[in-house]
Amino acid sequence: MTTVRGARARARIEVTAAIKDEARRQLAAEGAARLSLRAVARELGMVSSALYRYFPSRDDLLTALITDAYDSLGEAAETAHAKAGDIAPARRWVTVCEAVRAWALAHPHEYALIYGSPVPGYSAPETTIPAASRVGLLLIGIVRDAHRRRGVARTPLPAELQPEARRMAADLAPDLPPEVVTALVASWAQLYGLVGFELFGQFNRVVEDREAFFRHAAAQLAHGVGLVFS
């Protein structure tokens, strides 16, 4: 019985992977809004009722694809950070940012799925949060390390922003100053804005040497959160 159950488990893993691969192909060709379980089943030679045993709805399949994309991006960023070794936090920050850009350029349709236009009628469940948080937590960790070592520069906040800054710090990184957490949130958004502008064509006929431009912009983001290059 154990052998049979193992074979069934392997078969399920293989079919699940095939479904996801076909769904990714459809994302690239048609976009997330037009993803269809029936179309996926047809391309795989499955009846729809069989596919529903793996993914009961389109939203379940989308959630799996989104989680996989976030995890793939997070793994790429974490791997680059680990390979960088014990270099200055500011340089580790730039390394992670460059890894995010490289992953996006290599996986444009998956990047569009997680950071592009929302899919009509779909709302990502909370189960996607751990995967979606991986890059952000990595960047917070870099700033936390700098704060513990040599401290980070702080930019004073206007009075009207201070209550929100304290709330964000309490939620995201209670051990970091509110000024730094506010800068982190802004830099996180700017990072994905930079990547999105390049990926979706907004830099066409504007920025030619995009690698050098991005590296400089990532360094400016590092300065913005109080990191210092040494």
C-alpha atoms as a PDB file:
ATOM      1  CA  MET A   1       0.000   0.000   0.000  1.00  0.00           C
ATOM      2  CA  THR A   2       2.823   2.379   0.808  1.00  0.00           C
ATOM      3  CA  THR A   3       4.267   1.921  -2.700  1.00  0.00           C
ATOM      4  CA  VAL A   4       0.887   2.615  -4.281  1.00  0.00           C
ATOM      5  CA  ARG A   5       0.359   5.760  -2.192  1.00  0.00           C
ATOM      6  CA  GLY A   6       3.860   6.941  -3.121  1.00  0.00           C
ATOM      7  CA  ALA A   7       3.172   6.429  -6.815  1.00  0.00           C
ATOM      8  CA  ARG A   8      -0.111   8.324  -6.538  1.00  0.00           C
ATOM      9  CA  ALA A   9       1.609  11.180  -4.709  1.00  0.00           C
ATOM     10  CA  ARG A  10       4.278  11.408  -7.401  1.00  0.00           C
ATOM     11  CA  ALA A  11       1.652  11.351 -10.123  1.00  0.00           C
ATOM     12  CA  ARG A  12      -0.267  14.133  -8.424  1.00  0.00           C
ATOM     13  CA  ILE A  13       2.893  16.248  -8.157  1.00  0.00           C
ATOM     14  CA  GLU A  14       3.627  15.690 -11.855  1.00  0.00           C
ATOM     15  CA  VAL A  15       0.102  16.561 -12.974  1.00  0.00           C
ATOM     16  CA  THR A  16       0.016  19.639 -10.722  1.00  0.00           C
ATOM     17  CA  ALA A  17       3.296  20.817 -12.246  1.00  0.00           C
ATOM     18  CA  ALA A  18       1.965  20.250 -15.770  1.00  0.00           C
ATOM     19  CA  ILE A  19      -1.180  22.253 -14.981  1.00  0.00           C
ATOM     20  CA  LYS A  20       0.881  25.149 -13.638  1.00  0.00           C
ATOM     21  CA  ASP A  21       3.237  25.075 -16.621  1.00  0.00           C
ATOM     22  CA  GLU A  22       0.338  25.247 -19.060  1.00  0.00           C
ATOM     23  CA  ALA A  23      -1.286  28.004 -17.024  1.00  0.00           C
ATOM     24  CA  ARG A  24       1.960  30.009 -17.163  1.00  0.00           C
ATOM     25  CA  ARG A  25       2.044  29.542 -20.922  1.00  0.00           C
ATOM     26  CA  GLN A  26      -1.487  30.911 -21.121  1.00  0.00           C
ATOM     27  CA  LEU A  27      -0.525  33.842 -18.890  1.00  0.00           C
ATOM     28  CA  ALA A  28       2.232  34.730 -21.336  1.00  0.00           C
ATOM     29  CA  ALA A  29      -0.062  34.416 -24.349  1.00  0.00           C
ATOM     30  CA  GLU A  30      -3.368  35.758 -23.041  1.00  0.00           C
ATOM     31  CA  GLY A  31      -2.778  37.484 -19.697  1.00  0.00           C
ATOM     32  CA  ALA A  32      -4.050  36.570 -16.255  1.00  0.00           C
ATOM     33  CA  ALA A  33      -7.533  37.948 -16.812  1.00  0.00           C
ATOM     34  CA  ARG A  34      -8.188  35.357 -19.541  1.00  0.00           C
ATOM     35  CA  LEU A  35      -6.829  32.356 -17.679  1.00  0.00           C
ATOM     36  CA  SER A  36      -9.325  29.498 -18.032  1.00  0.00           C
ATOM     37  CA  LEU A  37      -9.361  26.121 -16.329  1.00  0.00           C
ATOM     38  CA  ARG A  38     -11.217  24.649 -19.284  1.00  0.00           C
ATOM     39  CA  ALA A  39      -8.564  25.910 -21.692  1.00  0.00           C
ATOM     40  CA  VAL A  40      -5.798  24.502 -19.509  1.00  0.00           C
ATOM     41  CA  ALA A  41      -7.561  21.140 -19.311  1.00  0.00           C
ATOM     42  CA  ARG A  42      -8.100  21.103 -23.083  1.00  0.00           C
ATOM     43  CA  GLU A  43      -4.423  21.760 -23.833  1.00  0.00           C
ATOM     44  CA  LEU A  44      -3.387  18.985 -21.441  1.00  0.00           C
ATOM     45  CA  GLY A  45      -5.886  16.505 -22.840  1.00  0.00           C
ATOM     46  CA  MET A  46      -7.792  16.369 -19.549  1.00  0.00           C
ATOM     47  CA  VAL A  47     -11.488  16.635 -18.905  1.00  0.00           C
ATOM     48  CA  SER A  48     -12.405  19.684 -16.832  1.00  0.00           C
ATOM     49  CA  SER A  49     -13.768  17.604 -13.994  1.00  0.00           C
ATOM     50  CA  ALA A  50     -10.371  15.930 -13.586  1.00  0.00           C
ATOM     51  CA  LEU A  51      -8.549  19.270 -13.400  1.00  0.00           C
ATOM     52  CA  TYR A  52     -10.959  20.508 -10.736  1.00  0.00           C
ATOM     53  CA  ARG A  53      -9.631  17.801  -8.433  1.00  0.00           C
ATOM     54  CA  TYR A  54      -6.315  19.656  -8.457  1.00  0.00           C
ATOM     55  CA  PHE A  55      -7.589  23.235  -8.552  1.00  0.00           C
ATOM     56  CA  PRO A  56     -11.275  23.678  -7.695  1.00  0.00           C
ATOM     57  CA  SER A  57     -11.438  27.133  -9.300  1.00  0.00           C
ATOM     58  CA  ARG A  58      -9.531  29.601 -11.440  1.00  0.00           C
ATOM     59  CA  ASP A  59      -8.775  31.586  -8.301  1.00  0.00           C
ATOM     60  CA  ASP A  60      -7.159  28.561  -6.670  1.00  0.00           C
ATOM     61  CA  LEU A  61      -4.906  28.136  -9.698  1.00  0.00           C
ATOM     62  CA  LEU A  62      -4.078  31.851  -9.740  1.00  0.00           C
ATOM     63  CA  THR A  63      -3.203  31.724  -6.045  1.00  0.00           C
ATOM     64  CA  ALA A  64      -0.836  28.811  -6.654  1.00  0.00           C
ATOM     65  CA  LEU A  65       0.844  30.663  -9.535  1.00  0.00           C
ATOM     66  CA  ILE A  66       1.141  33.854  -7.505  1.00  0.00           C
ATOM     67  CA  THR A  67       2.630  32.033  -4.528  1.00  0.00           C
ATOM     68  CA  ASP A  68       5.102  30.236  -6.775  1.00  0.00           C
ATOM     69  CA  ALA A  69       6.136  33.543  -8.391  1.00  0.00           C
ATOM     70  CA  TYR A  70       6.673  35.255  -5.050  1.00  0.00           C
ATOM     71  CA  ASP A  71       8.647  32.278  -3.777  1.00  0.00           C
ATOM     72  CA  SER A  72      10.782  32.161  -6.916  1.00  0.00           C
ATOM     73  CA  LEU A  73      11.533  35.871  -6.637  1.00  0.00           C
ATOM     74  CA  GLY A  74      12.255  35.559  -2.935  1.00  0.00           C
ATOM     75  CA  GLU A  75      14.577  32.614  -3.489  1.00  0.00           C
ATOM     76  CA  ALA A  76      16.499  34.532  -6.164  1.00  0.00           C
ATOM     77  CA  ALA A  77      16.947  37.525  -3.853  1.00  0.00           C
ATOM     78  CA  GLU A  78      17.939  35.381  -0.876  1.00  0.00           C
ATOM     79  CA  THR A  79      20.429  33.382  -2.932  1.00  0.00           C
ATOM     80  CA  ALA A  80      22.087  36.557  -4.245  1.00  0.00           C
ATOM     81  CA  HIS A  81      22.252  37.947  -0.723  1.00  0.00           C
ATOM     82  CA  ALA A  82      23.830  34.760   0.636  1.00  0.00           C
ATOM     83  CA  LYS A  83      26.441  34.706  -2.153  1.00  0.00           C
ATOM     84  CA  ALA A  84      27.353  38.347  -1.430  1.00  0.00           C
ATOM     85  CA  GLY A  85      28.793  37.324   1.917  1.00  0.00           C
ATOM     86  CA  ASP A  86      29.665  39.720   4.707  1.00  0.00           C
ATOM     87  CA  ILE A  87      29.987  42.891   2.661  1.00  0.00           C
ATOM     88  CA  ALA A  88      28.686  46.298   3.748  1.00  0.00           C
ATOM     89  CA  PRO A  89      24.892  46.470   4.214  1.00  0.00           C
ATOM     90  CA  ALA A  90      24.567  49.143   1.520  1.00  0.00           C
ATOM     91  CA  ARG A  91      26.226  46.869  -1.016  1.00  0.00           C
ATOM     92  CA  ARG A  92      24.078  43.921   0.049  1.00  0.00           C
ATOM     93  CA  TRP A  93      21.036  46.138  -0.483  1.00  0.00           C
ATOM     94  CA  VAL A  94      22.112  46.879  -4.061  1.00  0.00           C
ATOM     95  CA  THR A  95      22.820  43.177  -4.641  1.00  0.00           C
ATOM     96  CA  VAL A  96      19.306  42.228  -3.589  1.00  0.00           C
ATOM     97  CA  CYS A  97      17.781  44.974  -5.728  1.00  0.00           C
ATOM     98  CA  GLU A  98      19.755  43.783  -8.749  1.00  0.00           C
ATOM     99  CA  ALA A  99      18.572  40.225  -8.114  1.00  0.00           C
ATOM    100  CA  VAL A 100      14.955  41.421  -8.120  1.00  0.00           C
ATOM    101  CA  ARG A 101      15.530  43.171 -11.454  1.00  0.00           C
ATOM    102  CA  ALA A 102      17.279  40.143 -12.973  1.00  0.00           C
ATOM    103  CA  TRP A 103      14.455  37.830 -11.918  1.00  0.00           C
ATOM    104  CA  ALA A 104      11.837  40.176 -13.350  1.00  0.00           C
ATOM    105  CA  LEU A 105      13.626  40.425 -16.696  1.00  0.00           C
ATOM    106  CA  ALA A 106      13.875  36.631 -16.829  1.00  0.00           C
ATOM    107  CA  HIS A 107      10.224  36.110 -15.771  1.00  0.00           C
ATOM    108  CA  PRO A 108       8.290  39.093 -17.164  1.00  0.00           C
ATOM    109  CA  HIS A 109       4.875  37.461 -17.194  1.00  0.00           C
ATOM    110  CA  GLU A 110       5.186  36.172 -13.657  1.00  0.00           C
ATOM    111  CA  TYR A 111       6.372  39.607 -12.517  1.00  0.00           C
ATOM    112  CA  ALA A 112       3.332  41.129 -14.229  1.00  0.00           C
ATOM    113  CA  LEU A 113       1.120  38.640 -12.391  1.00  0.00           C
ATOM    114  CA  ILE A 114       2.343  39.755  -8.956  1.00  0.00           C
ATOM    115  CA  TYR A 115       3.169  43.428  -9.578  1.00  0.00           C
ATOM    116  CA  GLY A 116       1.147  44.347 -12.644  1.00  0.00           C
ATOM    117  CA  SER A 117      -2.504  45.253 -13.048  1.00  0.00           C
ATOM    118  CA  PRO A 118      -4.904  43.478 -10.649  1.00  0.00           C
ATOM    119  CA  VAL A 119      -6.803  40.532 -12.113  1.00  0.00           C
ATOM    120  CA  PRO A 120     -10.503  41.461 -12.340  1.00  0.00           C
ATOM    121  CA  GLY A 121     -12.590  39.576  -9.807  1.00  0.00           C
ATOM    122  CA  TYR A 122      -9.616  38.119  -7.976  1.00  0.00           C
ATOM    123  CA  SER A 123      -8.373  38.953  -4.489  1.00  0.00           C
ATOM    124  CA  ALA A 124      -5.228  37.243  -3.239  1.00  0.00           C
ATOM    125  CA  PRO A 125      -5.808  35.371   0.035  1.00  0.00           C
ATOM    126  CA  GLU A 126      -3.688  35.810   3.143  1.00  0.00           C
ATOM    127  CA  THR A 127      -1.915  32.540   2.354  1.00  0.00           C
ATOM    128  CA  THR A 128       0.160  34.444  -0.221  1.00  0.00           C
ATOM    129  CA  ILE A 129       1.582  36.848   2.390  1.00  0.00           C
ATOM    130  CA  PRO A 130       4.560  34.748   3.583  1.00  0.00           C
ATOM    131  CA  ALA A 131       5.844  34.303   0.029  1.00  0.00           C
ATOM    132  CA  ALA A 132       5.116  37.927  -0.870  1.00  0.00           C
ATOM    133  CA  SER A 133       7.039  39.122   2.196  1.00  0.00           C
ATOM    134  CA  ARG A 134      10.344  37.403   1.461  1.00  0.00           C
ATOM    135  CA  VAL A 135      12.076  40.239  -0.381  1.00  0.00           C
ATOM    136  CA  GLY A 136      10.729  42.889   1.972  1.00  0.00           C
ATOM    137  CA  LEU A 137      11.889  40.966   5.030  1.00  0.00           C
ATOM    138  CA  LEU A 138      15.300  40.509   3.452  1.00  0.00           C
ATOM    139  CA  LEU A 139      15.650  44.267   2.913  1.00  0.00           C
ATOM    140  CA  ILE A 140      14.468  44.946   6.470  1.00  0.00           C
ATOM    141  CA  GLY A 141      17.074  42.482   7.708  1.00  0.00           C
ATOM    142  CA  ILE A 142      19.834  44.327   5.864  1.00  0.00           C
ATOM    143  CA  VAL A 143      18.812  47.645   7.414  1.00  0.00           C
ATOM    144  CA  ARG A 144      18.451  46.020  10.835  1.00  0.00           C
ATOM    145  CA  ASP A 145      21.991  44.693  10.560  1.00  0.00           C
ATOM    146  CA  ALA A 146      23.299  48.165   9.688  1.00  0.00           C
ATOM    147  CA  HIS A 147      21.334  49.688  12.562  1.00  0.00           C
ATOM    148  CA  ARG A 148      22.911  47.250  15.014  1.00  0.00           C
ATOM    149  CA  ARG A 149      26.426  47.705  13.657  1.00  0.00           C
ATOM    150  CA  ARG A 150      26.972  51.389  13.008  1.00  0.00           C
ATOM    151  CA  GLY A 151      23.531  52.900  13.058  1.00  0.00           C
ATOM    152  CA  VAL A 152      21.665  54.387  10.118  1.00  0.00           C
ATOM    153  CA  ALA A 153      21.025  57.964   9.105  1.00  0.00           C
ATOM    154  CA  ARG A 154      17.559  59.268   9.947  1.00  0.00           C
ATOM    155  CA  THR A 155      15.564  61.827   8.018  1.00  0.00           C
ATOM    156  CA  PRO A 156      13.185  63.836  10.232  1.00  0.00           C
ATOM    157  CA  LEU A 157       9.520  63.287   9.494  1.00  0.00           C
ATOM    158  CA  PRO A 158       6.826  65.956   9.292  1.00  0.00           C
ATOM    159  CA  ALA A 159       4.562  66.047  12.331  1.00  0.00           C
ATOM    160  CA  GLU A 160       1.491  64.838  10.427  1.00  0.00           C
ATOM    161  CA  LEU A 161       3.303  61.654   9.324  1.00  0.00           C
ATOM    162  CA  GLN A 162       4.731  60.681  12.698  1.00  0.00           C
ATOM    163  CA  PRO A 163       1.673  58.763  14.012  1.00  0.00           C
ATOM    164  CA  GLU A 164       1.525  56.699  10.810  1.00  0.00           C
ATOM    165  CA  ALA A 165       5.302  56.161  10.936  1.00  0.00           C
ATOM    166  CA  ARG A 166       5.030  54.808  14.483  1.00  0.00           C
ATOM    167  CA  ARG A 167       2.190  52.508  13.434  1.00  0.00           C
ATOM    168  CA  MET A 168       4.165  51.146  10.471  1.00  0.00           C
ATOM    169  CA  ALA A 169       7.227  50.603  12.644  1.00  0.00           C
ATOM    170  CA  ALA A 170       5.166  48.723  15.239  1.00  0.00           C
ATOM    171  CA  ASP A 171       3.714  46.471  12.525  1.00  0.00           C
ATOM    172  CA  LEU A 172       6.803  45.877  10.387  1.00  0.00           C
ATOM    173  CA  ALA A 173       9.966  46.333  12.441  1.00  0.00           C
ATOM    174  CA  PRO A 174       9.499  47.454  16.057  1.00  0.00           C
ATOM    175  CA  ASP A 175      13.248  47.426  16.646  1.00  0.00           C
ATOM    176  CA  LEU A 176      13.893  50.065  13.965  1.00  0.00           C
ATOM    177  CA  PRO A 177      13.253  53.821  14.251  1.00  0.00           C
ATOM    178  CA  PRO A 178       9.958  54.959  12.690  1.00  0.00           C
ATOM    179  CA  GLU A 179      11.860  57.303  10.364  1.00  0.00           C
ATOM    180  CA  VAL A 180      13.820  54.362   8.987  1.00  0.00           C
ATOM    181  CA  VAL A 181      10.759  52.129   8.553  1.00  0.00           C
ATOM    182  CA  THR A 182       8.980  54.905   6.674  1.00  0.00           C
ATOM    183  CA  ALA A 183      11.955  55.198   4.334  1.00  0.00           C
ATOM    184  CA  LEU A 184      11.997  51.412   3.925  1.00  0.00           C
ATOM    185  CA  VAL A 185       8.371  51.314   2.816  1.00  0.00           C
ATOM    186  CA  ALA A 186       8.978  54.128   0.328  1.00  0.00           C
ATOM    187  CA  SER A 187      12.123  52.451  -1.033  1.00  0.00           C
ATOM    188  CA  TRP A 188      10.333  49.103  -1.347  1.00  0.00           C
ATOM    189  CA  ALA A 189       7.668  50.756  -3.502  1.00  0.00           C
ATOM    190  CA  GLN A 190      10.263  52.646  -5.546  1.00  0.00           C
ATOM    191  CA  LEU A 191      12.231  49.457  -6.204  1.00  0.00           C
ATOM    192  CA  TYR A 192       9.265  47.766  -7.833  1.00  0.00           C
ATOM    193  CA  GLY A 193       8.380  50.973  -9.640  1.00  0.00           C
ATOM    194  CA  LEU A 194      11.853  51.071 -11.197  1.00  0.00           C
ATOM    195  CA  VAL A 195      11.638  47.446 -12.244  1.00  0.00           C
ATOM    196  CA  GLY A 196       8.119  47.880 -13.595  1.00  0.00           C
ATOM    197  CA  PHE A 197       9.050  50.956 -15.624  1.00  0.00           C
ATOM    198  CA  GLU A 198      11.817  49.012 -17.332  1.00  0.00           C
ATOM    199  CA  LEU A 199       9.837  45.830 -17.802  1.00  0.00           C
ATOM    200  CA  PHE A 200       6.701  47.468 -19.172  1.00  0.00           C
ATOM    201  CA  GLY A 201       8.455  49.838 -21.563  1.00  0.00           C
ATOM    202  CA  GLN A 202       8.244  53.204 -19.815  1.00  0.00           C
ATOM    203  CA  PHE A 203      12.019  53.646 -20.118  1.00  0.00           C
ATOM    204  CA  ASN A 204      12.003  53.147 -23.887  1.00  0.00           C
ATOM    205  CA  ARG A 205      13.789  56.048 -25.609  1.00  0.00           C
ATOM    206  CA  VAL A 206      14.534  57.497 -22.170  1.00  0.00           C
ATOM    207  CA  VAL A 207      17.119  55.242 -20.483  1.00  0.00           C
ATOM    208  CA  GLU A 208      19.575  53.330 -22.661  1.00  0.00           C
ATOM    209  CA  ASP A 209      22.140  51.898 -20.230  1.00  0.00           C
ATOM    210  CA  ARG A 210      19.506  50.474 -17.929  1.00  0.00           C
ATOM    211  CA  GLU A 211      21.806  48.264 -15.889  1.00  0.00           C
ATOM    212  CA  ALA A 212      24.014  51.177 -14.847  1.00  0.00           C
ATOM    213  CA  PHE A 213      20.980  53.366 -14.291  1.00  0.00           C
ATOM    214  CA  PHE A 214      19.336  50.767 -12.086  1.00  0.00           C
ATOM    215  CA  ARG A 215      22.477  50.156 -10.044  1.00  0.00           C
ATOM    216  CA  HIS A 216      22.767  53.883  -9.348  1.00  0.00           C
ATOM    217  CA  ALA A 217      19.060  54.137  -8.496  1.00  0.00           C
ATOM    218  CA  ALA A 218      19.332  51.159  -6.113  1.00  0.00           C
ATOM    219  CA  ALA A 219      22.262  52.858  -4.386  1.00  0.00           C
ATOM    220  CA  GLN A 220      20.152  55.979  -3.987  1.00  0.00           C
ATOM    221  CA  LEU A 221      17.427  53.877  -2.394  1.00  0.00           C
ATOM    222  CA  ALA A 222      20.042  52.525   0.013  1.00  0.00           C
ATOM    223  CA  HIS A 223      21.004  56.093   0.925  1.00  0.00           C
ATOM    224  CA  GLY A 224      17.315  56.858   1.389  1.00  0.00           C
ATOM    225  CA  VAL A 225      16.948  54.241   4.129  1.00  0.00           C
ATOM    226  CA  GLY A 226      20.074  55.520   5.879  1.00  0.00           C
ATOM    227  CA  LEU A 227      22.679  53.058   4.607  1.00  0.00           C
ATOM    228  CA  VAL A 228      26.207  54.331   3.978  1.00  0.00           C
ATOM    229  CA  PHE A 229      28.681  53.042   1.378  1.00  0.00           C
ATOM    230  CA  SER A 230      32.154  52.524   2.811  1.00  0.00           C
END
